[in-house]
Protein backbone atom coordinates (compact mmCIF):
# COMPACT_ATOMS: atom_id res chain seq x y z
CA UNK A 1 92.39 12.01 -160.95
CA UNK A 2 90.71 8.94 -159.52
CA UNK A 3 87.55 7.71 -161.21
CA UNK A 4 84.69 7.01 -158.82
CA UNK A 5 82.41 4.12 -159.67
CA UNK A 6 78.70 3.48 -159.63
CA UNK A 7 77.40 0.20 -158.25
CA UNK A 8 76.66 -0.99 -161.80
CA UNK A 9 80.18 -0.17 -162.98
CA UNK A 10 81.71 -2.09 -160.09
CA UNK A 11 79.54 -5.13 -160.83
CA UNK A 12 80.54 -4.96 -164.51
CA UNK A 13 84.23 -4.80 -163.59
CA UNK A 14 83.93 -7.81 -161.28
CA UNK A 15 82.04 -9.80 -163.91
CA UNK A 16 84.61 -8.87 -166.55
CA UNK A 17 87.45 -10.00 -164.29
CA UNK A 18 85.70 -13.32 -163.69
CA UNK A 19 85.05 -13.70 -167.43
CA UNK A 20 88.80 -13.54 -168.12
CA UNK A 21 89.19 -16.81 -166.23
CA UNK A 22 91.98 -15.32 -164.11
CA UNK A 23 89.87 -15.16 -160.96
CA UNK A 24 86.65 -16.71 -159.65
CA UNK A 25 83.82 -15.13 -157.73
CA UNK A 26 84.81 -17.15 -154.68
CA UNK A 27 88.36 -15.83 -154.88
CA UNK A 28 87.12 -12.26 -155.12
CA UNK A 29 84.87 -12.81 -152.11
CA UNK A 30 87.71 -14.34 -150.10
CA UNK A 31 89.97 -11.41 -151.01
CA UNK A 32 87.26 -8.91 -150.04
CA UNK A 33 86.74 -10.53 -146.64
CA UNK A 34 90.48 -10.67 -146.03
CA UNK A 35 90.73 -6.98 -146.95
CA UNK A 36 88.05 -6.08 -144.41
CA UNK A 37 89.77 -7.98 -141.60
CA UNK A 38 93.13 -6.46 -142.44
CA UNK A 39 91.57 -2.97 -142.50
CA UNK A 40 90.10 -3.57 -139.03
CA UNK A 41 93.47 -4.61 -137.64
CA UNK A 42 95.24 -1.68 -139.29
CA UNK A 43 92.69 0.85 -138.05
CA UNK A 44 92.71 -0.51 -134.48
CA UNK A 45 96.12 -2.17 -133.89
CA UNK A 46 95.12 -3.02 -130.33
CA UNK A 47 92.64 -5.50 -131.81
CA UNK A 48 95.24 -7.14 -134.04
CA UNK A 49 96.68 -10.51 -132.97
CA UNK A 50 100.28 -10.87 -131.84
CA UNK A 51 101.47 -11.94 -135.30
CA UNK A 52 100.30 -8.67 -136.87
CA UNK A 53 97.51 -7.56 -139.17
CA UNK A 54 97.51 -10.63 -141.45
CA UNK A 55 94.06 -12.19 -140.90
CA UNK A 56 94.98 -15.90 -140.91
CA UNK A 57 97.95 -17.06 -138.79
CA UNK A 58 99.95 -20.23 -138.87
CA UNK A 59 98.17 -22.56 -136.45
CA UNK A 60 101.09 -22.72 -134.03
CA UNK A 61 101.05 -18.93 -133.55
CA UNK A 62 97.52 -18.89 -132.10
CA UNK A 63 98.12 -18.81 -128.36
CA UNK A 64 95.56 -20.01 -125.83
CA UNK A 65 95.41 -16.59 -124.19
CA UNK A 66 94.38 -15.04 -127.51
CA UNK A 67 91.42 -17.33 -128.07
CA UNK A 68 88.20 -15.46 -127.36
CA UNK A 69 90.07 -12.33 -126.30
CA UNK A 70 88.08 -10.20 -128.74
CA UNK A 71 84.49 -10.53 -129.91
CA UNK A 72 82.71 -9.64 -133.12
CA UNK A 73 79.13 -9.64 -134.31
CA UNK A 74 78.69 -10.02 -138.08
CA UNK A 75 75.36 -9.08 -139.67
CA UNK A 76 75.02 -10.89 -143.00
CA UNK A 77 72.47 -10.05 -145.67
CA UNK A 78 70.83 -12.08 -148.44
CA UNK A 79 73.34 -11.26 -151.22
CA UNK A 80 77.04 -11.28 -151.95
CA UNK A 81 77.70 -8.60 -149.35
CA UNK A 82 76.51 -11.18 -146.86
CA UNK A 83 78.96 -13.63 -148.43
CA UNK A 84 81.77 -11.18 -147.69
CA UNK A 85 80.51 -11.12 -144.12
CA UNK A 86 80.74 -14.90 -143.77
CA UNK A 87 84.37 -14.71 -144.92
CA UNK A 88 85.08 -12.00 -142.33
CA UNK A 89 83.45 -14.11 -139.61
CA UNK A 90 85.52 -17.17 -140.52
CA UNK A 91 88.80 -15.23 -140.66
CA UNK A 92 88.17 -13.53 -137.32
CA UNK A 93 87.34 -16.92 -135.84
CA UNK A 94 90.63 -18.26 -137.19
CA UNK A 95 92.37 -15.32 -135.51
CA UNK A 96 90.98 -16.43 -132.17
CA UNK A 97 87.99 -14.11 -131.92
CA UNK A 98 84.66 -15.06 -130.49
CA UNK A 99 82.24 -14.47 -133.37
CA UNK A 100 78.44 -14.36 -133.51
CA UNK A 101 76.77 -14.30 -136.93
CA UNK A 102 73.23 -13.10 -137.61
CA UNK A 103 71.63 -13.71 -141.01
CA UNK A 104 68.90 -11.56 -142.48
CA UNK A 105 67.18 -13.70 -145.09
CA UNK A 106 66.93 -17.34 -146.11
CA UNK A 107 70.21 -19.26 -146.33
CA UNK A 108 68.69 -21.48 -149.02
CA UNK A 109 68.26 -18.44 -151.29
CA UNK A 110 71.79 -17.07 -151.00
CA UNK A 111 73.71 -16.59 -154.29
CA UNK A 112 76.10 -19.49 -155.04
CA UNK A 113 79.33 -17.85 -153.82
CA UNK A 114 77.68 -16.46 -150.70
CA UNK A 115 76.08 -19.85 -150.03
CA UNK A 116 79.49 -21.54 -150.31
CA UNK A 117 80.96 -19.20 -147.71
CA UNK A 118 77.90 -19.60 -145.49
CA UNK A 119 78.51 -23.35 -145.50
CA UNK A 120 82.21 -22.84 -144.74
CA UNK A 121 81.25 -20.68 -141.79
CA UNK A 122 78.73 -23.26 -140.55
CA UNK A 123 81.60 -25.74 -140.22
CA UNK A 124 83.08 -23.61 -137.41
CA UNK A 125 80.21 -21.54 -136.01
CA UNK A 126 76.48 -21.04 -135.65
CA UNK A 127 74.23 -18.64 -137.53
CA UNK A 128 71.26 -16.97 -135.86
CA UNK A 129 68.31 -15.16 -137.35
CA UNK A 130 68.56 -11.37 -137.34
CA UNK A 131 65.37 -10.24 -135.62
CA UNK A 132 64.23 -7.93 -132.87
CA UNK A 133 65.99 -8.57 -129.59
CA UNK A 134 69.23 -9.72 -131.22
CA UNK A 135 71.37 -7.07 -129.52
CA UNK A 136 70.27 -7.99 -126.04
CA UNK A 137 70.90 -11.65 -126.80
CA UNK A 138 74.57 -11.28 -127.77
CA UNK A 139 77.69 -10.50 -125.79
CA UNK A 140 79.12 -7.03 -126.07
CA UNK A 141 81.42 -7.07 -129.11
CA UNK A 142 84.54 -5.11 -129.93
CA UNK A 143 83.39 -4.87 -133.55
CA UNK A 144 80.06 -5.11 -135.36
CA UNK A 145 80.34 -5.81 -139.09
CA UNK A 146 77.56 -4.55 -141.38
CA UNK A 147 77.50 -7.01 -144.29
CA UNK A 148 73.80 -6.66 -144.99
CA UNK A 149 73.51 -5.04 -148.42
CA UNK A 150 76.53 -3.00 -149.53
CA UNK A 151 76.25 -1.47 -152.98
CA UNK A 152 73.45 -3.83 -153.98
CA UNK A 153 70.70 -1.98 -152.11
CA UNK A 154 68.23 -0.21 -154.41
CA UNK A 155 65.32 0.48 -152.07
CA UNK A 156 64.66 1.26 -148.40
CA UNK A 157 65.32 -1.56 -145.98
CA UNK A 158 62.26 -3.20 -144.51
CA UNK A 159 60.56 -1.88 -141.39
CA UNK A 160 61.26 -5.19 -139.66
CA UNK A 161 64.98 -4.90 -140.30
CA UNK A 162 64.92 -1.19 -139.44
CA UNK A 163 63.50 -2.01 -136.02
CA UNK A 164 66.30 -4.53 -135.50
CA UNK A 165 68.95 -2.01 -136.49
CA UNK A 166 67.44 0.62 -134.21
CA UNK A 167 68.51 -1.55 -131.31
CA UNK A 168 72.10 -0.61 -132.13
CA UNK A 169 71.29 3.01 -131.28
CA UNK A 170 69.57 1.97 -128.06
CA UNK A 171 72.49 -0.15 -126.90
CA UNK A 172 75.24 2.25 -127.99
CA UNK A 173 75.37 4.01 -124.57
CA UNK A 174 75.58 0.63 -122.81
CA UNK A 175 78.43 -0.43 -125.10
CA UNK A 176 80.36 2.76 -124.57
CA UNK A 177 83.58 0.92 -123.76
CA UNK A 178 84.76 -2.59 -124.53
CA UNK A 179 86.08 -4.27 -121.41
CA UNK A 180 89.47 -5.33 -122.76
CA UNK A 181 90.49 -2.34 -124.84
CA UNK A 182 88.78 0.64 -123.27
CA UNK A 183 87.46 1.47 -126.73
CA UNK A 184 83.84 1.84 -127.81
CA UNK A 185 82.29 -0.94 -129.83
CA UNK A 186 83.14 -0.17 -133.46
CA UNK A 187 80.83 -0.54 -136.44
CA UNK A 188 82.49 -1.57 -139.71
CA UNK A 189 80.54 -1.49 -142.98
CA UNK A 190 81.46 -3.55 -146.02
CA UNK A 191 81.38 -1.44 -149.21
CA UNK A 192 78.86 1.13 -147.94
CA UNK A 193 76.70 1.39 -144.80
CA UNK A 194 73.34 -0.31 -145.17
CA UNK A 195 70.56 2.09 -146.12
CA UNK A 196 72.77 4.41 -148.20
CA UNK A 197 72.52 4.57 -151.99
CA UNK A 198 75.95 3.74 -153.42
CA UNK A 199 75.42 6.04 -156.41
CA UNK A 200 74.16 9.17 -154.66
CA UNK A 201 75.18 9.00 -150.99
CA UNK A 202 71.55 9.60 -150.04
CA UNK A 203 69.71 7.61 -147.42
CA UNK A 204 66.64 5.75 -148.61
CA UNK A 205 63.53 7.12 -146.91
CA UNK A 206 60.58 4.73 -146.63
CA UNK A 207 58.14 7.56 -145.93
CA UNK A 208 58.61 8.57 -149.56
CA UNK A 209 56.92 5.41 -150.82
CA UNK A 210 53.35 6.54 -151.33
CA UNK A 211 52.08 3.05 -152.05
CA UNK A 212 53.07 1.88 -148.59
CA UNK A 213 51.92 3.25 -145.27
CA UNK A 214 54.06 0.82 -143.32
CA UNK A 215 56.76 2.51 -141.28
CA UNK A 216 59.08 1.55 -138.48
CA UNK A 217 57.61 2.37 -135.11
CA UNK A 218 61.05 3.38 -133.83
CA UNK A 219 62.72 5.51 -136.51
CA UNK A 220 61.53 9.13 -136.98
CA UNK A 221 59.54 9.40 -140.20
CA UNK A 222 61.87 12.03 -141.68
CA UNK A 223 64.97 9.93 -140.97
CA UNK A 224 66.45 7.46 -143.45
CA UNK A 225 66.90 3.90 -142.27
CA UNK A 226 70.69 3.89 -142.52
CA UNK A 227 73.63 2.68 -140.49
CA UNK A 228 76.44 5.03 -139.42
CA UNK A 229 79.81 3.29 -139.43
CA UNK A 230 83.14 4.09 -137.81
CA UNK A 231 84.98 2.49 -140.73
CA UNK A 232 83.81 1.53 -144.21
CA UNK A 233 85.93 -0.80 -146.31
CA UNK A 234 85.33 -0.66 -150.04
CA UNK A 235 87.05 -2.44 -152.91
CA UNK A 236 89.06 -1.54 -156.01
CA UNK A 237 87.92 2.11 -156.24
CA UNK A 238 85.74 4.51 -154.30
CA UNK A 239 82.05 4.78 -155.10
CA UNK A 240 80.08 7.95 -155.76
CA UNK A 241 78.01 7.44 -152.63
CA UNK A 242 81.12 7.65 -150.45
CA UNK A 243 81.60 11.29 -151.48
CA UNK A 244 78.13 12.71 -152.16
CA UNK A 245 75.36 14.02 -149.89
CA UNK A 246 75.28 12.43 -146.43
CA UNK A 247 77.27 9.41 -147.58
CA UNK A 248 80.54 10.48 -145.95
CA UNK A 249 78.79 11.06 -142.60
CA UNK A 250 77.52 7.48 -142.62
CA UNK A 251 80.80 6.06 -143.95
CA UNK A 252 82.90 7.34 -141.05
CA UNK A 253 86.44 6.65 -142.25
CA UNK A 254 86.94 5.18 -145.72
CA UNK A 255 89.48 2.43 -146.42
CA UNK A 256 90.20 0.85 -149.79
CA UNK A 257 91.05 -2.83 -150.18
CA UNK A 258 92.48 -4.08 -153.48
CA UNK A 259 91.03 -7.05 -155.34
CA UNK A 260 93.09 -9.48 -157.44
CA UNK A 261 93.18 -9.33 -161.25
CA UNK A 262 91.55 -5.90 -161.41
CA UNK A 263 93.82 -4.44 -164.09
CA UNK A 264 92.33 -1.08 -165.10
CA UNK A 265 93.83 -1.28 -168.58
CA UNK A 266 92.01 -4.55 -169.23
CA UNK A 267 88.73 -3.51 -167.68
CA UNK A 268 88.53 0.11 -168.85
CA UNK A 269 85.81 -0.68 -171.39
CA UNK A 270 83.48 -1.24 -168.46
CA UNK A 271 83.99 2.38 -167.42
CA UNK A 272 82.36 3.54 -170.66
CA UNK A 273 85.77 3.75 -172.36
CA UNK A 274 86.66 6.80 -170.27
CA UNK A 275 83.58 8.54 -171.64
CA UNK A 276 81.24 11.08 -170.15
CA UNK A 277 79.78 8.71 -167.57
CA UNK A 278 83.07 8.66 -165.65
CA UNK A 279 83.22 10.89 -162.56
CA UNK A 280 86.64 11.98 -161.32
CA UNK A 281 87.71 12.77 -157.77
CA UNK A 282 89.93 15.86 -157.67
CA UNK A 283 92.45 14.70 -155.11
CA UNK A 284 96.12 13.90 -155.73
CA UNK A 285 97.56 10.64 -154.50
CA UNK A 286 94.26 9.42 -153.08
CA UNK A 287 94.83 5.69 -152.56
CA UNK A 288 97.95 6.09 -154.73
CA UNK A 289 95.91 6.34 -157.93
CA UNK A 290 95.24 9.98 -158.67
CA UNK A 291 97.08 12.32 -161.01
CA UNK A 292 97.65 15.57 -159.12
CA UNK A 293 95.62 18.47 -160.49
CA UNK A 294 98.86 20.44 -160.26
CA UNK A 295 99.73 18.81 -163.58
CA UNK A 296 97.47 21.43 -165.15
CA UNK A 297 100.08 24.07 -164.36
CA UNK A 298 102.72 22.05 -166.19
CA UNK A 299 100.80 22.59 -169.43
CA UNK A 300 101.05 26.38 -169.22
CA UNK A 301 103.73 28.33 -171.15
CA UNK A 302 106.98 28.63 -169.22
CA UNK A 303 108.29 31.85 -170.83
CA UNK A 304 108.98 34.75 -168.48
CA UNK A 305 107.12 37.31 -170.61
CA UNK A 306 105.41 40.25 -168.89
CA UNK A 307 102.32 40.69 -166.77
CA UNK A 308 99.87 40.57 -169.65
CA UNK A 309 101.34 37.31 -170.91
CA UNK A 310 99.88 35.79 -167.74
CA UNK A 311 96.45 37.22 -168.43
CA UNK A 312 94.39 40.20 -167.34
CA UNK A 313 91.29 39.59 -165.22
CA UNK A 314 88.48 42.12 -164.83
CA UNK A 315 86.33 41.93 -161.68
CA UNK A 316 83.08 43.92 -161.87
CA UNK A 317 82.06 45.50 -158.58
CA UNK A 318 78.94 47.01 -157.08
CA UNK A 319 78.27 50.41 -155.58
CA UNK A 320 79.66 52.22 -152.57
CA UNK A 321 79.82 50.07 -149.45
CA UNK A 322 79.45 46.84 -151.43
CA UNK A 323 82.92 46.38 -152.89
CA UNK A 324 84.40 44.01 -150.32
CA UNK A 325 83.33 40.85 -152.13
CA UNK A 326 84.77 42.04 -155.45
CA UNK A 327 88.04 42.98 -153.74
CA UNK A 328 88.25 39.48 -152.27
CA UNK A 329 87.72 37.98 -155.71
CA UNK A 330 90.35 40.31 -157.17
CA UNK A 331 92.90 39.34 -154.53
CA UNK A 332 92.20 35.67 -155.23
CA UNK A 333 92.66 36.14 -158.98
CA UNK A 334 95.94 37.98 -158.46
CA UNK A 335 97.38 35.49 -155.98
CA UNK A 336 96.55 32.48 -158.14
CA UNK A 337 98.60 33.85 -160.99
CA UNK A 338 96.76 36.33 -163.19
CA UNK A 339 99.37 38.78 -164.45
CA UNK A 340 97.09 41.77 -163.96
CA UNK A 341 93.76 42.27 -162.22
CA UNK A 342 91.44 45.27 -162.52
CA UNK A 343 88.35 46.05 -160.47
CA UNK A 344 85.67 47.90 -162.43
CA UNK A 345 83.33 49.90 -160.19
CA UNK A 346 80.91 52.85 -160.37
CA UNK A 347 82.34 56.34 -159.92
CA UNK A 348 80.68 56.55 -156.50
CA UNK A 349 82.73 53.60 -155.23
CA UNK A 350 86.05 54.70 -156.72
CA UNK A 351 87.56 56.34 -153.62
CA UNK A 352 86.49 53.49 -151.34
CA UNK A 353 88.14 50.90 -153.57
CA UNK A 354 91.22 53.04 -154.24
CA UNK A 355 91.84 53.26 -150.50
CA UNK A 356 92.01 49.46 -150.21
CA UNK A 357 93.66 48.29 -153.43
CA UNK A 358 97.35 48.37 -154.24
CA UNK A 359 98.54 45.72 -156.69
CA UNK A 360 95.02 45.47 -158.11
CA UNK A 361 94.20 48.17 -160.67
CA UNK A 362 90.99 50.17 -160.71
CA UNK A 363 88.77 51.62 -163.42
CA UNK A 364 85.38 53.31 -163.52
CA UNK A 365 82.53 51.37 -165.13
CA UNK A 366 79.22 53.14 -164.54
CA UNK A 367 77.15 51.45 -167.21
CA UNK A 368 77.15 49.05 -170.15
CA UNK A 369 78.69 51.67 -172.41
CA UNK A 370 81.61 52.09 -170.05
CA UNK A 371 82.11 48.34 -169.94
CA UNK A 372 82.11 48.06 -173.73
CA UNK A 373 84.80 50.73 -173.84
CA UNK A 374 86.96 48.94 -171.24
CA UNK A 375 86.61 45.65 -173.08
CA UNK A 376 88.05 47.17 -176.21
CA UNK A 377 91.33 46.23 -174.52
CA UNK A 378 91.75 42.70 -175.87
CA UNK A 379 94.35 41.96 -173.19
CA UNK A 380 91.45 41.53 -170.76
CA UNK A 381 90.86 37.82 -171.22
CA UNK A 382 88.76 36.77 -168.20
CA UNK A 383 85.92 38.33 -166.23
CA UNK A 384 84.24 37.80 -162.88
CA UNK A 385 80.80 39.19 -162.25
CA UNK A 386 78.55 38.78 -159.22
CA UNK A 387 80.38 39.20 -155.89
CA UNK A 388 78.94 42.31 -154.21
CA UNK A 389 77.57 43.27 -157.60
CA UNK A 390 73.93 44.22 -157.06
CA UNK A 391 70.76 43.28 -158.91
CA UNK A 392 69.53 46.57 -160.40
CA UNK A 393 69.11 47.74 -163.98
CA UNK A 394 72.77 48.84 -164.23
CA UNK A 395 73.90 45.36 -163.28
CA UNK A 396 71.45 43.71 -165.64
CA UNK A 397 72.84 45.76 -168.52
CA UNK A 398 76.43 44.94 -167.56
CA UNK A 399 75.75 41.21 -167.56
CA UNK A 400 74.10 41.45 -170.98
CA UNK A 401 77.21 43.18 -172.31
CA UNK A 402 79.55 40.66 -170.69
CA UNK A 403 77.57 37.91 -172.41
CA UNK A 404 77.95 39.50 -175.83
CA UNK A 405 75.35 42.24 -176.28
CA UNK A 406 76.52 45.38 -178.02
CA UNK A 407 79.16 43.72 -180.12
CA UNK A 408 81.36 42.72 -177.17
CA UNK A 409 83.57 39.74 -177.85
CA UNK A 410 82.55 37.22 -175.14
CA UNK A 411 85.39 36.25 -172.81
CA UNK A 412 85.75 33.40 -170.31
CA UNK A 413 83.49 34.56 -167.47
CA UNK A 414 82.74 33.46 -163.92
CA UNK A 415 79.19 34.27 -162.79
CA UNK A 416 78.58 34.10 -159.05
CA UNK A 417 76.29 35.47 -156.35
CA UNK A 418 74.20 38.44 -157.59
CA UNK A 419 74.91 37.54 -161.21
CA UNK A 420 73.22 34.19 -160.62
CA UNK A 421 70.21 35.95 -159.11
CA UNK A 422 69.89 38.08 -162.24
CA UNK A 423 70.24 35.06 -164.51
CA UNK A 424 67.50 33.26 -162.57
CA UNK A 425 65.11 36.20 -162.96
CA UNK A 426 65.73 36.89 -166.65
CA UNK A 427 65.44 34.04 -169.18
CA UNK A 428 66.91 36.25 -171.91
CA UNK A 429 70.10 36.70 -169.90
CA UNK A 430 70.23 32.98 -169.17
CA UNK A 431 69.95 32.25 -172.88
CA UNK A 432 73.07 34.35 -173.53
CA UNK A 433 75.32 31.99 -171.56
CA UNK A 434 78.09 30.49 -173.67
CA UNK A 435 80.56 27.63 -173.36
CA UNK A 436 83.28 29.79 -171.81
CA UNK A 437 81.15 30.66 -168.78
CA UNK A 438 81.43 29.10 -165.31
CA UNK A 439 78.44 29.27 -162.93
CA UNK A 440 79.26 28.79 -159.24
CA UNK A 441 75.98 28.40 -157.30
CA UNK A 442 75.50 27.20 -153.76
CA UNK A 443 72.39 25.12 -153.04
CA UNK A 444 70.02 28.09 -152.70
CA UNK A 445 71.27 29.76 -155.88
CA UNK A 446 71.11 26.44 -157.71
CA UNK A 447 67.46 26.06 -156.70
CA UNK A 448 66.64 29.53 -158.07
CA UNK A 449 68.48 28.89 -161.33
CA UNK A 450 67.22 25.34 -161.87
CA UNK A 451 64.09 24.90 -159.72
CA UNK A 452 62.88 21.73 -161.43
CA UNK A 453 66.29 20.05 -161.14
CA UNK A 454 66.59 21.07 -157.48
CA UNK A 455 63.12 19.65 -156.82
CA UNK A 456 64.24 16.25 -158.12
CA UNK A 457 67.42 16.40 -156.05
CA UNK A 458 65.58 17.34 -152.86
CA UNK A 459 62.79 14.79 -153.27
CA UNK A 460 63.08 11.90 -150.78
CA UNK A 461 65.02 8.94 -152.15
CA UNK A 462 62.73 5.91 -152.32
CA UNK A 463 64.54 3.76 -154.88
CA UNK A 464 67.99 3.44 -156.39
CA UNK A 465 69.98 4.62 -158.07
CA UNK A 466 68.65 7.77 -156.40
CA UNK A 467 68.92 11.08 -158.27
CA UNK A 468 72.26 12.51 -157.20
CA UNK A 469 74.12 15.80 -157.07
CA UNK A 470 76.17 14.50 -160.01
CA UNK A 471 72.97 13.95 -162.01
CA UNK A 472 71.70 17.41 -161.08
CA UNK A 473 74.93 19.23 -161.96
CA UNK A 474 75.26 17.44 -165.29
CA UNK A 475 71.67 18.30 -166.18
CA UNK A 476 72.20 21.93 -165.18
CA UNK A 477 75.42 22.23 -167.21
CA UNK A 478 73.72 20.82 -170.28
CA UNK A 479 70.84 23.29 -169.92
CA UNK A 480 73.12 26.28 -169.28
CA UNK A 481 75.52 25.21 -172.05
CA UNK A 482 78.49 25.93 -169.79
CA UNK A 483 80.42 24.65 -166.78
CA UNK A 484 78.46 24.51 -163.52
CA UNK A 485 80.24 24.26 -160.17
CA UNK A 486 77.66 23.23 -157.55
CA UNK A 487 79.25 24.21 -154.24
CA UNK A 488 79.26 22.29 -150.96
CA UNK A 489 81.49 19.89 -149.02
CA UNK A 490 80.78 17.62 -151.99
CA UNK A 491 81.38 20.22 -154.72
CA UNK A 492 80.38 18.79 -158.10
CA UNK A 493 81.66 20.30 -161.36
CA UNK A 494 80.25 19.41 -164.79
CA UNK A 495 80.38 20.67 -168.35
CA UNK A 496 77.72 20.40 -171.09
CA UNK A 497 79.26 17.23 -172.53
CA UNK A 498 78.75 15.39 -169.24
CA UNK A 499 82.36 15.48 -168.07
CA UNK A 500 82.14 15.58 -164.29
CA UNK A 501 84.35 15.72 -161.21
CA UNK A 502 83.99 16.02 -157.45
CA UNK A 503 86.05 18.18 -155.10
CA UNK A 504 85.40 16.44 -151.79
CA UNK A 505 86.12 18.51 -148.68
CA UNK A 506 85.41 15.52 -146.46
CA UNK A 507 87.29 12.78 -144.60
CA UNK A 508 90.91 13.93 -144.14
CA UNK A 509 90.19 16.95 -146.39
CA UNK A 510 87.28 18.20 -144.28
CA UNK A 511 87.52 21.97 -143.80
CA UNK A 512 84.30 23.11 -142.08
CA UNK A 513 85.85 26.52 -141.42
CA UNK A 514 85.44 27.23 -145.15
CA UNK A 515 81.82 28.04 -144.31
CA UNK A 516 82.66 31.69 -143.68
CA UNK A 517 81.51 34.93 -145.30
CA UNK A 518 83.43 35.75 -148.46
CA UNK A 519 85.01 32.36 -149.10
CA UNK A 520 82.84 31.88 -152.18
CA UNK A 521 83.97 35.25 -153.52
CA UNK A 522 87.59 34.13 -153.22
CA UNK A 523 86.74 30.91 -155.07
CA UNK A 524 85.22 32.95 -157.90
CA UNK A 525 88.45 34.95 -158.02
CA UNK A 526 90.59 31.81 -158.06
CA UNK A 527 88.69 30.45 -161.05
CA UNK A 528 88.83 33.81 -162.85
CA UNK A 529 92.57 34.06 -162.33
CA UNK A 530 93.06 30.57 -163.74
CA UNK A 531 90.92 31.45 -166.76
CA UNK A 532 93.15 34.47 -167.30
CA UNK A 533 96.20 32.19 -167.12
CA UNK A 534 94.78 30.15 -169.99
CA UNK A 535 93.02 27.28 -168.26
CA UNK A 536 89.93 25.87 -169.96
CA UNK A 537 86.71 26.53 -167.98
CA UNK A 538 86.41 22.97 -166.65
CA UNK A 539 90.07 22.82 -165.64
CA UNK A 540 89.91 26.26 -164.03
CA UNK A 541 86.87 25.26 -161.98
CA UNK A 542 88.48 21.98 -160.88
CA UNK A 543 91.82 23.52 -159.99
CA UNK A 544 90.27 26.54 -158.30
CA UNK A 545 88.00 24.42 -156.12
CA UNK A 546 90.81 22.05 -155.18
CA UNK A 547 93.24 24.86 -154.25
CA UNK A 548 90.45 26.60 -152.32
CA UNK A 549 90.18 23.57 -150.05
CA UNK A 550 93.96 23.15 -149.84
CA UNK A 551 94.34 26.74 -148.65
CA UNK A 552 91.70 26.20 -145.97
CA UNK A 553 93.40 23.02 -144.79
CA UNK A 554 96.77 24.73 -144.72
CA UNK A 555 95.49 27.64 -142.63
CA UNK A 556 93.21 25.68 -140.31
CA UNK A 557 90.49 26.79 -137.88
CA UNK A 558 90.06 30.51 -137.40
CA UNK A 559 90.12 31.09 -141.14
CA UNK A 560 88.45 34.15 -142.61
CA UNK A 561 88.03 34.79 -146.32
CA UNK A 562 90.97 37.22 -146.48
CA UNK A 563 93.29 34.43 -145.36
CA UNK A 564 92.63 32.22 -148.38
CA UNK A 565 94.51 34.20 -151.05
CA UNK A 566 97.38 34.87 -148.65
CA UNK A 567 97.76 31.14 -148.00
CA UNK A 568 98.18 30.36 -151.70
CA UNK A 569 101.95 30.99 -151.92
CA UNK A 570 102.57 28.52 -149.09
CA UNK A 571 100.31 25.91 -150.69
CA UNK A 572 101.87 26.36 -154.11
CA UNK A 573 105.39 26.06 -152.73
CA UNK A 574 104.43 22.82 -151.02
CA UNK A 575 103.06 21.55 -154.33
CA UNK A 576 106.09 22.75 -156.30
CA UNK A 577 103.86 24.84 -158.58
């Protein structure tokens, strides 16, 4: 898996690389600017010069008819992100572009490396002040580069700057198409769009600052002052804010540019020695760095055995007319590899379930006593409780037994849906959670289970690093003493030790059709089946979430929950599992 970085971790890595003496800050800045220009040319080849995507050509290759053919506006800020912008401006100028540069801040106060690149730019071009009216004063560009703040922003941008940026939204309809290319003017952000917290993906909201009544007269008060890019170019590794909350919406498309002398083996100490502060992205081959989660399957026993050697999952179901969700979970558990799956339901629902189950077995569980009797079979090694379950006294007693009351040996257990509602309403049940449990709440269920944590997460972000979904899930897992999978397009999974990962169903893995009734029940079944196979709770949650998205991507639009388990064989064949 790829490790995602916080802004502080990235700064530490850069400083460590500079401290080795193998690279200077100026060289890193030059490389960053070159990476941005190359990413622009690769994303829009029609903007690339005749010699290809390399930013700087040999002088003799720059033809007269290419000079001024394309135009760029570069918005530079008061820090090193602005320094990257000056490099981009200079390289585009060298490629024959007409370039206008606007500076927000005082050039005399720029950091040393940024000041050096400002001075290099001033040798070939002018710099104007970024203020209201700047858009109307410049020629329509092919590309606007946001080099204002990047990952260094830790508070809302000023109202003055917000008013200037609002002009981009006003002029967007007028700049619908560039004259030469027939393409809209593109906005490219360096590192992360301005106004977005690099650690949380949340937009900073000035209205949250109680000590200040100042607010932009143009932006709606409930709207964060944040830029939305078509392309965001980041460096070395992705940042948390690219994958969490609204970050991906503002990022547009994410591109990664390498930096020189960034050897992970040398700089790993600045990632907390691989400790609990690291956050992994569950995505194979992302930017060529990730270890496929399919490697988990390679650790399982390879003997042929019999069905029970691959585990036996028990799915607890609700009453008559409410068994569909449990049947979906059971199908998911069976398809993902559990050797045997049994649905346990009340006597009243037996005929209904028997009419719709074939490979899945069925048993009657009317009450806690019946469950204790069923669980005398030690071959049952994983349970799922919650989908279509109900929230009455019967169900409360069953959960208590699953969690160890009555002498039951606790098994790895997935708690979803109605089970989460019961946990939220009964502190004694919550206190019975153990380290082999997996909780799978969506945002509403999370808020009922952990209201104080949800309140912090939903509070407007007025300073950085803003409280993030990663922070919330880690805190919840520590309190519950078990794995918590906080669902969403930015699904976050954490265990009590702080180990954390993100299953991002965004960018090229976006699968909005997963928002369909029953898909969460299938996910619960996937995780339960993996627990039955012998996966540890954290690994089962990670693998289940990742395969859940892969199945949705494989099937495509029109997906319903029943399609997810049936798509698994195709996905697994493609992955050579």
